Amino acid sequence: MQNTLFLLSVIFIPLGIFLMAFSVLWQMYIMFTETYTLNRYASERLVWVVASLFFSFSLAVYYFCPNARKKGKWGVIAGVLGLSLFLIAKLYLLPTVHNMAIS
């Protein structure tokens, strides 16, 4: 049983890191492809949109760009799944590393 958990954690850690990296790259893709829709705002209102983008990073893109909401779901799913796989692997490895140190 212990070897199975160790092998699972060896698989889960790189997979979790990959999914989190994919989530970041997907977020960058959304930022670059969806901000063109901000051209529809008048120049005075665009100042507030740009200020909100600056201070809240990409959260404002999901508010101001409607297509980004549909695309952003994949990034959230990949990020949450990657983080959970990474944390599960760390929890599996903790007793294994502790037992190796005692032996």
C-alpha atoms as a PDB file:
ATOM      1  CA  MET A   1       0.000   0.000   0.000  1.00  0.00           C
ATOM      2  CA  GLN A   2       2.824   2.365   0.884  1.00  0.00           C
ATOM      3  CA  ASN A   3       4.532   1.819  -2.491  1.00  0.00           C
ATOM      4  CA  THR A   4       1.286   2.550  -4.332  1.00  0.00           C
ATOM      5  CA  LEU A   5       0.847   5.862  -2.527  1.00  0.00           C
ATOM      6  CA  PHE A   6       4.464   6.752  -3.230  1.00  0.00           C
ATOM      7  CA  LEU A   7       4.057   5.994  -6.946  1.00  0.00           C
ATOM      8  CA  LEU A   8       0.816   7.976  -7.064  1.00  0.00           C
ATOM      9  CA  SER A   9       2.538  10.958  -5.508  1.00  0.00           C
ATOM     10  CA  VAL A  10       5.409  10.673  -7.989  1.00  0.00           C
ATOM     11  CA  ILE A  11       2.818  10.910 -10.772  1.00  0.00           C
ATOM     12  CA  PHE A  12       0.618  13.551  -9.110  1.00  0.00           C
ATOM     13  CA  ILE A  13       3.350  16.119  -8.394  1.00  0.00           C
ATOM     14  CA  PRO A  14       4.464  16.672 -12.032  1.00  0.00           C
ATOM     15  CA  LEU A  15       0.867  16.419 -13.234  1.00  0.00           C
ATOM     16  CA  GLY A  16      -0.236  19.030 -10.690  1.00  0.00           C
ATOM     17  CA  ILE A  17       2.603  21.360 -11.661  1.00  0.00           C
ATOM     18  CA  PHE A  18       1.754  20.904 -15.334  1.00  0.00           C
ATOM     19  CA  LEU A  19      -1.928  21.708 -14.750  1.00  0.00           C
ATOM     20  CA  MET A  20      -1.089  24.818 -12.712  1.00  0.00           C
ATOM     21  CA  ALA A  21       1.310  25.991 -15.436  1.00  0.00           C
ATOM     22  CA  PHE A  22      -1.377  25.340 -18.044  1.00  0.00           C
ATOM     23  CA  SER A  23      -3.790  27.415 -15.984  1.00  0.00           C
ATOM     24  CA  VAL A  24      -1.374  30.348 -15.941  1.00  0.00           C
ATOM     25  CA  LEU A  25      -0.729  30.101 -19.684  1.00  0.00           C
ATOM     26  CA  TRP A  26      -4.471  29.866 -20.354  1.00  0.00           C
ATOM     27  CA  GLN A  27      -5.018  32.979 -18.266  1.00  0.00           C
ATOM     28  CA  MET A  28      -2.388  34.831 -20.309  1.00  0.00           C
ATOM     29  CA  TYR A  29      -4.071  33.648 -23.508  1.00  0.00           C
ATOM     30  CA  ILE A  30      -7.410  35.003 -22.314  1.00  0.00           C
ATOM     31  CA  MET A  31      -5.840  38.330 -21.364  1.00  0.00           C
ATOM     32  CA  PHE A  32      -4.224  38.736 -24.781  1.00  0.00           C
ATOM     33  CA  THR A  33      -7.175  37.588 -26.870  1.00  0.00           C
ATOM     34  CA  GLU A  34     -10.111  39.146 -25.040  1.00  0.00           C
ATOM     35  CA  THR A  35      -8.898  42.641 -24.215  1.00  0.00           C
ATOM     36  CA  TYR A  36      -9.606  43.770 -27.782  1.00  0.00           C
ATOM     37  CA  THR A  37     -13.278  43.977 -26.821  1.00  0.00           C
ATOM     38  CA  LEU A  38     -12.454  46.929 -24.576  1.00  0.00           C
ATOM     39  CA  ASN A  39     -12.491  49.144 -27.698  1.00  0.00           C
ATOM     40  CA  ARG A  40     -16.257  49.473 -27.339  1.00  0.00           C
ATOM     41  CA  TYR A  41     -15.938  51.847 -24.362  1.00  0.00           C
ATOM     42  CA  ALA A  42     -15.749  55.601 -24.711  1.00  0.00           C
ATOM     43  CA  SER A  43     -12.401  57.132 -23.881  1.00  0.00           C
ATOM     44  CA  GLU A  44     -13.481  58.494 -20.470  1.00  0.00           C
ATOM     45  CA  ARG A  45     -14.874  55.178 -19.310  1.00  0.00           C
ATOM     46  CA  LEU A  46     -11.864  53.321 -20.688  1.00  0.00           C
ATOM     47  CA  VAL A  47      -9.712  55.028 -18.058  1.00  0.00           C
ATOM     48  CA  TRP A  48     -11.679  53.261 -15.312  1.00  0.00           C
ATOM     49  CA  VAL A  49     -11.533  49.943 -17.145  1.00  0.00           C
ATOM     50  CA  VAL A  50      -7.766  50.197 -17.527  1.00  0.00           C
ATOM     51  CA  ALA A  51      -7.385  51.231 -13.879  1.00  0.00           C
ATOM     52  CA  SER A  52      -9.412  48.227 -12.729  1.00  0.00           C
ATOM     53  CA  LEU A  53      -7.359  45.952 -14.982  1.00  0.00           C
ATOM     54  CA  PHE A  54      -4.185  47.368 -13.502  1.00  0.00           C
ATOM     55  CA  PHE A  55      -5.203  46.951  -9.871  1.00  0.00           C
ATOM     56  CA  SER A  56      -7.097  43.670 -10.062  1.00  0.00           C
ATOM     57  CA  PHE A  57      -4.909  42.009 -12.696  1.00  0.00           C
ATOM     58  CA  SER A  58      -7.177  39.733 -14.693  1.00  0.00           C
ATOM     59  CA  LEU A  59     -10.341  39.643 -12.591  1.00  0.00           C
ATOM     60  CA  ALA A  60     -11.623  42.743 -14.326  1.00  0.00           C
ATOM     61  CA  VAL A  61     -11.292  41.050 -17.726  1.00  0.00           C
ATOM     62  CA  TYR A  62     -13.975  38.570 -16.698  1.00  0.00           C
ATOM     63  CA  TYR A  63     -16.268  41.447 -15.791  1.00  0.00           C
ATOM     64  CA  PHE A  64     -15.688  43.643 -18.842  1.00  0.00           C
ATOM     65  CA  CYS A  65     -15.164  40.967 -21.536  1.00  0.00           C
ATOM     66  CA  PRO A  66     -18.097  38.535 -21.801  1.00  0.00           C
ATOM     67  CA  ASN A  67     -16.287  35.881 -23.880  1.00  0.00           C
ATOM     68  CA  ALA A  68     -13.567  35.593 -21.256  1.00  0.00           C
ATOM     69  CA  ARG A  69     -16.031  34.138 -18.755  1.00  0.00           C
ATOM     70  CA  LYS A  70     -16.655  31.095 -20.934  1.00  0.00           C
ATOM     71  CA  LYS A  71     -12.963  30.559 -21.608  1.00  0.00           C
ATOM     72  CA  GLY A  72     -11.925  31.191 -18.017  1.00  0.00           C
ATOM     73  CA  LYS A  73     -13.741  28.149 -16.676  1.00  0.00           C
ATOM     74  CA  TRP A  74     -11.077  25.859 -18.150  1.00  0.00           C
ATOM     75  CA  GLY A  75      -8.325  27.804 -16.440  1.00  0.00           C
ATOM     76  CA  VAL A  76     -10.078  27.609 -13.082  1.00  0.00           C
ATOM     77  CA  ILE A  77     -10.698  23.878 -13.464  1.00  0.00           C
ATOM     78  CA  ALA A  78      -7.065  23.234 -14.440  1.00  0.00           C
ATOM     79  CA  GLY A  79      -5.756  25.387 -11.588  1.00  0.00           C
ATOM     80  CA  VAL A  80      -7.926  23.814  -8.903  1.00  0.00           C
ATOM     81  CA  LEU A  81      -7.265  20.291 -10.175  1.00  0.00           C
ATOM     82  CA  GLY A  82      -3.521  20.929 -10.385  1.00  0.00           C
ATOM     83  CA  LEU A  83      -3.365  22.399  -6.893  1.00  0.00           C
ATOM     84  CA  SER A  84      -5.400  19.559  -5.416  1.00  0.00           C
ATOM     85  CA  LEU A  85      -3.251  16.899  -7.118  1.00  0.00           C
ATOM     86  CA  PHE A  86      -0.113  18.609  -5.841  1.00  0.00           C
ATOM     87  CA  LEU A  87      -1.439  18.813  -2.281  1.00  0.00           C
ATOM     88  CA  ILE A  88      -2.653  15.202  -2.314  1.00  0.00           C
ATOM     89  CA  ALA A  89       0.778  14.086  -3.492  1.00  0.00           C
ATOM     90  CA  LYS A  90       2.467  16.083  -0.737  1.00  0.00           C
ATOM     91  CA  LEU A  91       0.174  14.463   1.840  1.00  0.00           C
ATOM     92  CA  TYR A  92       0.982  11.007   0.451  1.00  0.00           C
ATOM     93  CA  LEU A  93       4.708  11.721   0.543  1.00  0.00           C
ATOM     94  CA  LEU A  94       4.775  13.114   4.069  1.00  0.00           C
ATOM     95  CA  PRO A  95       4.426   9.756   5.909  1.00  0.00           C
ATOM     96  CA  THR A  96       6.734   8.043   3.400  1.00  0.00           C
ATOM     97  CA  VAL A  97       9.520  10.556   3.902  1.00  0.00           C
ATOM     98  CA  HIS A  98       8.986  10.485   7.664  1.00  0.00           C
ATOM     99  CA  ASN A  99       9.227   6.657   7.734  1.00  0.00           C
ATOM    100  CA  MET A 100      12.367   6.754   5.589  1.00  0.00           C
ATOM    101  CA  ALA A 101      14.002   9.174   8.010  1.00  0.00           C
ATOM    102  CA  ILE A 102      13.222   6.921  10.998  1.00  0.00           C
ATOM    103  CA  SER A 103      14.536   3.728   9.334  1.00  0.00           C
END
